[in-house]
PDB file of all heavy atoms in Angstrom:
ATOM      1  N   LEU A   1     -71.916  31.045 -33.510  1.00  0.00           N
ATOM      2  CA  LEU A   1     -72.539  29.720 -33.618  1.00  0.00           C
ATOM      3  C   LEU A   1     -72.837  29.204 -32.215  1.00  0.00           C
ATOM      4  O   LEU A   1     -71.970  28.646 -31.539  1.00  0.00           O
ATOM      5  CB  LEU A   1     -71.594  28.763 -34.354  1.00  0.00           C
ATOM      6  CG  LEU A   1     -72.148  27.382 -34.706  1.00  0.00           C
ATOM      7  CD1 LEU A   1     -73.357  27.489 -35.627  1.00  0.00           C
ATOM      8  CD2 LEU A   1     -71.063  26.521 -35.342  1.00  0.00           C
ATOM      9  N   PRO A   2     -74.066  29.372 -31.740  1.00  0.00           N
ATOM     10  CA  PRO A   2     -74.406  28.957 -30.367  1.00  0.00           C
ATOM     11  C   PRO A   2     -74.395  27.448 -30.209  1.00  0.00           C
ATOM     12  O   PRO A   2     -74.434  26.692 -31.178  1.00  0.00           O
ATOM     13  CB  PRO A   2     -75.809  29.531 -30.168  1.00  0.00           C
ATOM     14  CG  PRO A   2     -76.358  29.737 -31.536  1.00  0.00           C
ATOM     15  CD  PRO A   2     -75.199  30.015 -32.435  1.00  0.00           C
ATOM     16  N   ALA A   3     -74.372  27.000 -28.947  1.00  0.00           N
ATOM     17  CA  ALA A   3     -74.295  25.569 -28.636  1.00  0.00           C
ATOM     18  C   ALA A   3     -75.474  24.797 -29.227  1.00  0.00           C
ATOM     19  O   ALA A   3     -75.306  23.676 -29.725  1.00  0.00           O
ATOM     20  CB  ALA A   3     -74.235  25.371 -27.126  1.00  0.00           C
ATOM     21  N   ALA A   4     -76.679  25.387 -29.175  1.00  0.00           N
ATOM     22  CA  ALA A   4     -77.860  24.696 -29.706  1.00  0.00           C
ATOM     23  C   ALA A   4     -77.734  24.472 -31.212  1.00  0.00           C
ATOM     24  O   ALA A   4     -78.133  23.420 -31.729  1.00  0.00           O
ATOM     25  CB  ALA A   4     -79.125  25.491 -29.397  1.00  0.00           C
ATOM     26  N   ALA A   5     -77.150  25.452 -31.915  1.00  0.00           N
ATOM     27  CA  ALA A   5     -76.967  25.309 -33.364  1.00  0.00           C
ATOM     28  C   ALA A   5     -75.924  24.239 -33.669  1.00  0.00           C
ATOM     29  O   ALA A   5     -76.062  23.476 -34.637  1.00  0.00           O
ATOM     30  CB  ALA A   5     -76.575  26.641 -33.981  1.00  0.00           C
ATOM     31  N   LYS A   6     -74.865  24.174 -32.855  1.00  0.00           N
ATOM     32  CA  LYS A   6     -73.867  23.116 -33.044  1.00  0.00           C
ATOM     33  C   LYS A   6     -74.509  21.744 -32.886  1.00  0.00           C
ATOM     34  O   LYS A   6     -74.271  20.828 -33.678  1.00  0.00           O
ATOM     35  CB  LYS A   6     -72.730  23.282 -32.040  1.00  0.00           C
ATOM     36  CG  LYS A   6     -71.842  24.495 -32.280  1.00  0.00           C
ATOM     37  CD  LYS A   6     -70.755  24.591 -31.219  1.00  0.00           C
ATOM     38  CE  LYS A   6     -69.879  25.828 -31.419  1.00  0.00           C
ATOM     39  NZ  LYS A   6     -68.833  25.929 -30.361  1.00  0.00           N
ATOM     40  N   ARG A   7     -75.322  21.601 -31.853  1.00  0.00           N
ATOM     41  CA  ARG A   7     -76.044  20.333 -31.645  1.00  0.00           C
ATOM     42  C   ARG A   7     -76.911  20.001 -32.856  1.00  0.00           C
ATOM     43  O   ARG A   7     -76.903  18.866 -33.367  1.00  0.00           O
ATOM     44  CB  ARG A   7     -76.914  20.445 -30.399  1.00  0.00           C
ATOM     45  CG  ARG A   7     -77.817  19.247 -30.129  1.00  0.00           C
ATOM     46  CD  ARG A   7     -78.971  19.651 -29.218  1.00  0.00           C
ATOM     47  NE  ARG A   7     -79.798  20.665 -29.844  1.00  0.00           N
ATOM     48  CZ  ARG A   7     -80.574  21.529 -29.179  1.00  0.00           C
ATOM     49  NH1 ARG A   7     -80.620  21.494 -27.862  1.00  0.00           N
ATOM     50  NH2 ARG A   7     -81.303  22.427 -29.830  1.00  0.00           N
ATOM     51  N   ASP A   8     -77.650  20.976 -33.343  1.00  0.00           N
ATOM     52  CA  ASP A   8     -78.555  20.733 -34.459  1.00  0.00           C
ATOM     53  C   ASP A   8     -77.811  20.415 -35.745  1.00  0.00           C
ATOM     54  O   ASP A   8     -78.249  19.579 -36.544  1.00  0.00           O
ATOM     55  CB  ASP A   8     -79.471  21.946 -34.662  1.00  0.00           C
ATOM     56  CG  ASP A   8     -80.413  22.169 -33.494  1.00  0.00           C
ATOM     57  OD1 ASP A   8     -80.613  21.226 -32.696  1.00  0.00           O
ATOM     58  OD2 ASP A   8     -80.935  23.300 -33.363  1.00  0.00           O
ATOM     59  N   LEU A   9     -76.674  21.072 -35.964  1.00  0.00           N
ATOM     60  CA  LEU A   9     -75.878  20.765 -37.147  1.00  0.00           C
ATOM     61  C   LEU A   9     -75.330  19.343 -37.084  1.00  0.00           C
ATOM     62  O   LEU A   9     -75.284  18.636 -38.098  1.00  0.00           O
ATOM     63  CB  LEU A   9     -74.736  21.777 -37.303  1.00  0.00           C
ATOM     64  CG  LEU A   9     -75.156  23.174 -37.761  1.00  0.00           C
ATOM     65  CD1 LEU A   9     -73.983  24.144 -37.679  1.00  0.00           C
ATOM     66  CD2 LEU A   9     -75.716  23.150 -39.191  1.00  0.00           C
ATOM     67  N   MET A  10     -74.928  18.900 -35.894  1.00  0.00           N
ATOM     68  CA  MET A  10     -74.464  17.517 -35.752  1.00  0.00           C
ATOM     69  C   MET A  10     -75.601  16.526 -35.986  1.00  0.00           C
ATOM     70  O   MET A  10     -75.419  15.490 -36.631  1.00  0.00           O
ATOM     71  CB  MET A  10     -73.827  17.312 -34.377  1.00  0.00           C
ATOM     72  CG  MET A  10     -72.465  17.980 -34.235  1.00  0.00           C
ATOM     73  SD  MET A  10     -71.600  17.519 -32.719  1.00  0.00           S
ATOM     74  CE  MET A  10     -72.613  18.314 -31.476  1.00  0.00           C
ATOM     75  N   VAL A  11     -76.792  16.843 -35.471  1.00  0.00           N
ATOM     76  CA  VAL A  11     -77.961  15.999 -35.723  1.00  0.00           C
ATOM     77  C   VAL A  11     -78.209  15.900 -37.221  1.00  0.00           C
ATOM     78  O   VAL A  11     -78.458  14.815 -37.767  1.00  0.00           O
ATOM     79  CB  VAL A  11     -79.199  16.560 -34.999  1.00  0.00           C
ATOM     80  CG1 VAL A  11     -80.490  15.915 -35.520  1.00  0.00           C
ATOM     81  CG2 VAL A  11     -79.077  16.342 -33.497  1.00  0.00           C
ATOM     82  N   SER A  12     -78.124  17.023 -37.899  1.00  0.00           N
ATOM     83  CA  SER A  12     -78.342  17.057 -39.342  1.00  0.00           C
ATOM     84  C   SER A  12     -77.298  16.219 -40.080  1.00  0.00           C
ATOM     85  O   SER A  12     -77.635  15.389 -40.930  1.00  0.00           O
ATOM     86  CB  SER A  12     -78.292  18.514 -39.824  1.00  0.00           C
ATOM     87  OG  SER A  12     -78.306  18.580 -41.229  1.00  0.00           O
ATOM     88  N   LEU A  13     -76.020  16.406 -39.761  1.00  0.00           N
ATOM     89  CA  LEU A  13     -74.954  15.725 -40.486  1.00  0.00           C
ATOM     90  C   LEU A  13     -74.950  14.220 -40.226  1.00  0.00           C
ATOM     91  O   LEU A  13     -74.716  13.418 -41.144  1.00  0.00           O
ATOM     92  CB  LEU A  13     -73.597  16.329 -40.107  1.00  0.00           C
ATOM     93  CG  LEU A  13     -73.364  17.776 -40.560  1.00  0.00           C
ATOM     94  CD1 LEU A  13     -72.072  18.320 -39.957  1.00  0.00           C
ATOM     95  CD2 LEU A  13     -73.320  17.877 -42.082  1.00  0.00           C
ATOM     96  N   ILE A  14     -75.216  13.819 -38.991  1.00  0.00           N
ATOM     97  CA  ILE A  14     -75.263  12.386 -38.691  1.00  0.00           C
ATOM     98  C   ILE A  14     -76.465  11.742 -39.367  1.00  0.00           C
ATOM     99  O   ILE A  14     -76.382  10.620 -39.891  1.00  0.00           O
ATOM    100  CB  ILE A  14     -75.275  12.148 -37.167  1.00  0.00           C
ATOM    101  CG1 ILE A  14     -73.932  12.598 -36.571  1.00  0.00           C
ATOM    102  CG2 ILE A  14     -75.521  10.669 -36.852  1.00  0.00           C
ATOM    103  CD1 ILE A  14     -73.913  12.625 -35.054  1.00  0.00           C
ATOM    104  N   THR A  15     -77.582  12.431 -39.405  1.00  0.00           N
ATOM    105  CA  THR A  15     -78.745  11.922 -40.135  1.00  0.00           C
ATOM    106  C   THR A  15     -78.392  11.707 -41.600  1.00  0.00           C
ATOM    107  O   THR A  15     -78.733  10.676 -42.197  1.00  0.00           O
ATOM    108  CB  THR A  15     -79.929  12.902 -40.012  1.00  0.00           C
ATOM    109  OG1 THR A  15     -80.287  13.051 -38.634  1.00  0.00           O
ATOM    110  CG2 THR A  15     -81.138  12.398 -40.797  1.00  0.00           C
ATOM    111  N   LEU A  16     -77.675  12.674 -42.190  1.00  0.00           N
ATOM    112  CA  LEU A  16     -77.295  12.574 -43.602  1.00  0.00           C
ATOM    113  C   LEU A  16     -76.411  11.370 -43.881  1.00  0.00           C
ATOM    114  O   LEU A  16     -76.463  10.779 -44.961  1.00  0.00           O
ATOM    115  CB  LEU A  16     -76.546  13.840 -44.031  1.00  0.00           C
ATOM    116  CG  LEU A  16     -77.351  15.132 -44.098  1.00  0.00           C
ATOM    117  CD1 LEU A  16     -76.433  16.297 -44.425  1.00  0.00           C
ATOM    118  CD2 LEU A  16     -78.454  15.027 -45.135  1.00  0.00           C
ATOM    119  N   LYS A  17     -75.593  11.020 -42.918  1.00  0.00           N
ATOM    120  CA  LYS A  17     -74.653   9.901 -43.111  1.00  0.00           C
ATOM    121  C   LYS A  17     -75.387   8.601 -43.420  1.00  0.00           C
ATOM    122  O   LYS A  17     -74.816   7.699 -44.036  1.00  0.00           O
ATOM    123  CB  LYS A  17     -73.792   9.748 -41.850  1.00  0.00           C
ATOM    124  CG  LYS A  17     -72.644   8.757 -41.981  1.00  0.00           C
ATOM    125  CD  LYS A  17     -71.788   8.750 -40.733  1.00  0.00           C
ATOM    126  CE  LYS A  17     -70.692   7.703 -40.800  1.00  0.00           C
ATOM    127  NZ  LYS A  17     -69.884   7.650 -39.561  1.00  0.00           N
ATOM    128  N   TYR A  18     -76.653   8.503 -43.009  1.00  0.00           N
ATOM    129  CA  TYR A  18     -77.400   7.263 -43.199  1.00  0.00           C
ATOM    130  C   TYR A  18     -78.569   7.423 -44.168  1.00  0.00           C
ATOM    131  O   TYR A  18     -79.549   6.679 -44.104  1.00  0.00           O
ATOM    132  CB  TYR A  18     -77.839   6.722 -41.836  1.00  0.00           C
ATOM    133  CG  TYR A  18     -76.623   6.324 -41.040  1.00  0.00           C
ATOM    134  CD1 TYR A  18     -76.067   7.192 -40.105  1.00  0.00           C
ATOM    135  CD2 TYR A  18     -75.965   5.128 -41.300  1.00  0.00           C
ATOM    136  CE1 TYR A  18     -74.914   6.861 -39.415  1.00  0.00           C
ATOM    137  CE2 TYR A  18     -74.818   4.787 -40.621  1.00  0.00           C
ATOM    138  CZ  TYR A  18     -74.296   5.661 -39.680  1.00  0.00           C
ATOM    139  OH  TYR A  18     -73.127   5.324 -39.017  1.00  0.00           O
ATOM    140  N   THR A  19     -78.455   8.402 -45.059  1.00  0.00           N
ATOM    141  CA  THR A  19     -79.420   8.538 -46.157  1.00  0.00           C
ATOM    142  C   THR A  19     -78.747   8.103 -47.454  1.00  0.00           C
ATOM    143  O   THR A  19     -77.581   7.738 -47.482  1.00  0.00           O
ATOM    144  CB  THR A  19     -79.866  10.002 -46.307  1.00  0.00           C
ATOM    145  OG1 THR A  19     -78.703  10.810 -46.577  1.00  0.00           O
ATOM    146  CG2 THR A  19     -80.550  10.508 -45.060  1.00  0.00           C
ATOM    147  N   GLN A  20     -79.498   8.173 -48.537  1.00  0.00           N
ATOM    148  CA  GLN A  20     -78.943   7.930 -49.868  1.00  0.00           C
ATOM    149  C   GLN A  20     -78.560   9.274 -50.489  1.00  0.00           C
ATOM    150  O   GLN A  20     -79.346  10.215 -50.479  1.00  0.00           O
ATOM    151  CB  GLN A  20     -79.974   7.225 -50.738  1.00  0.00           C
ATOM    152  CG  GLN A  20     -80.531   5.934 -50.149  1.00  0.00           C
ATOM    153  CD  GLN A  20     -79.480   4.878 -49.940  1.00  0.00           C
ATOM    154  OE1 GLN A  20     -78.843   4.424 -50.884  1.00  0.00           O
ATOM    155  NE2 GLN A  20     -79.267   4.477 -48.699  1.00  0.00           N
ATOM    156  N   SER A  21     -77.350   9.382 -51.059  1.00  0.00           N
ATOM    157  CA  SER A  21     -76.931  10.633 -51.711  1.00  0.00           C
ATOM    158  C   SER A  21     -77.842  10.908 -52.906  1.00  0.00           C
ATOM    159  O   SER A  21     -78.343   9.978 -53.525  1.00  0.00           O
ATOM    160  CB  SER A  21     -75.493  10.504 -52.210  1.00  0.00           C
ATOM    161  OG  SER A  21     -74.596  10.324 -51.144  1.00  0.00           O
ATOM    162  N   ASN A  22     -77.979  12.166 -53.321  1.00  0.00           N
ATOM    163  CA  ASN A  22     -77.606  13.390 -52.628  1.00  0.00           C
ATOM    164  C   ASN A  22     -78.552  13.624 -51.440  1.00  0.00           C
ATOM    165  O   ASN A  22     -79.700  13.221 -51.491  1.00  0.00           O
ATOM    166  CB  ASN A  22     -77.697  14.588 -53.572  1.00  0.00           C
ATOM    167  CG  ASN A  22     -76.648  14.578 -54.659  1.00  0.00           C
ATOM    168  OD1 ASN A  22     -75.489  14.314 -54.422  1.00  0.00           O
ATOM    169  ND2 ASN A  22     -77.076  14.889 -55.889  1.00  0.00           N
ATOM    170  N   SER A  23     -78.077  14.359 -50.436  1.00  0.00           N
ATOM    171  CA  SER A  23     -78.908  14.534 -49.252  1.00  0.00           C
ATOM    172  C   SER A  23     -78.714  15.907 -48.619  1.00  0.00           C
ATOM    173  O   SER A  23     -77.610  16.437 -48.597  1.00  0.00           O
ATOM    174  CB  SER A  23     -78.579  13.475 -48.203  1.00  0.00           C
ATOM    175  OG  SER A  23     -78.724  12.182 -48.714  1.00  0.00           O
ATOM    176  N   VAL A  24     -79.822  16.423 -48.084  1.00  0.00           N
ATOM    177  CA  VAL A  24     -79.843  17.666 -47.316  1.00  0.00           C
ATOM    178  C   VAL A  24     -80.787  17.454 -46.152  1.00  0.00           C
ATOM    179  O   VAL A  24     -81.826  16.802 -46.305  1.00  0.00           O
ATOM    180  CB  VAL A  24     -80.315  18.855 -48.186  1.00  0.00           C
ATOM    181  CG1 VAL A  24     -80.597  20.075 -47.325  1.00  0.00           C
ATOM    182  CG2 VAL A  24     -79.282  19.200 -49.249  1.00  0.00           C
ATOM    183  N   ALA A  25     -80.428  17.977 -44.979  1.00  0.00           N
ATOM    184  CA  ALA A  25     -81.310  17.829 -43.808  1.00  0.00           C
ATOM    185  C   ALA A  25     -81.382  19.133 -43.034  1.00  0.00           C
ATOM    186  O   ALA A  25     -80.354  19.769 -42.785  1.00  0.00           O
ATOM    187  CB  ALA A  25     -80.823  16.710 -42.896  1.00  0.00           C
ATOM    188  N   TYR A  26     -82.589  19.532 -42.673  1.00  0.00           N
ATOM    189  CA  TYR A  26     -82.849  20.686 -41.819  1.00  0.00           C
ATOM    190  C   TYR A  26     -83.072  20.169 -40.398  1.00  0.00           C
ATOM    191  O   TYR A  26     -83.697  19.118 -40.212  1.00  0.00           O
ATOM    192  CB  TYR A  26     -84.107  21.435 -42.264  1.00  0.00           C
ATOM    193  CG  TYR A  26     -84.040  22.086 -43.618  1.00  0.00           C
ATOM    194  CD1 TYR A  26     -83.951  21.351 -44.791  1.00  0.00           C
ATOM    195  CD2 TYR A  26     -84.125  23.475 -43.739  1.00  0.00           C
ATOM    196  CE1 TYR A  26     -83.928  21.952 -46.034  1.00  0.00           C
ATOM    197  CE2 TYR A  26     -84.105  24.097 -44.982  1.00  0.00           C
ATOM    198  CZ  TYR A  26     -84.012  23.327 -46.129  1.00  0.00           C
ATOM    199  OH  TYR A  26     -83.984  23.933 -47.360  1.00  0.00           O
ATOM    200  N   ALA A  27     -82.595  20.901 -39.395  1.00  0.00           N
ATOM    201  CA  ALA A  27     -82.758  20.458 -38.008  1.00  0.00           C
ATOM    202  C   ALA A  27     -82.957  21.650 -37.086  1.00  0.00           C
ATOM    203  O   ALA A  27     -82.448  22.747 -37.350  1.00  0.00           O
ATOM    204  CB  ALA A  27     -81.539  19.644 -37.554  1.00  0.00           C
ATOM    205  N   VAL A  28     -83.683  21.395 -35.999  1.00  0.00           N
ATOM    206  CA  VAL A  28     -83.877  22.411 -34.964  1.00  0.00           C
ATOM    207  C   VAL A  28     -84.277  21.696 -33.675  1.00  0.00           C
ATOM    208  O   VAL A  28     -84.887  20.617 -33.714  1.00  0.00           O
ATOM    209  CB  VAL A  28     -84.947  23.447 -35.381  1.00  0.00           C
ATOM    210  CG1 VAL A  28     -86.347  22.857 -35.352  1.00  0.00           C
ATOM    211  CG2 VAL A  28     -84.865  24.706 -34.529  1.00  0.00           C
TER     212      VAL A  28
END
């Protein structure tokens, strides 16, 4: 799991925190 992927996964998860459930987010 490279550093860039860790960053992108955090971007994805934090974005999800402020959506309406159910939620999925792709990031790069």
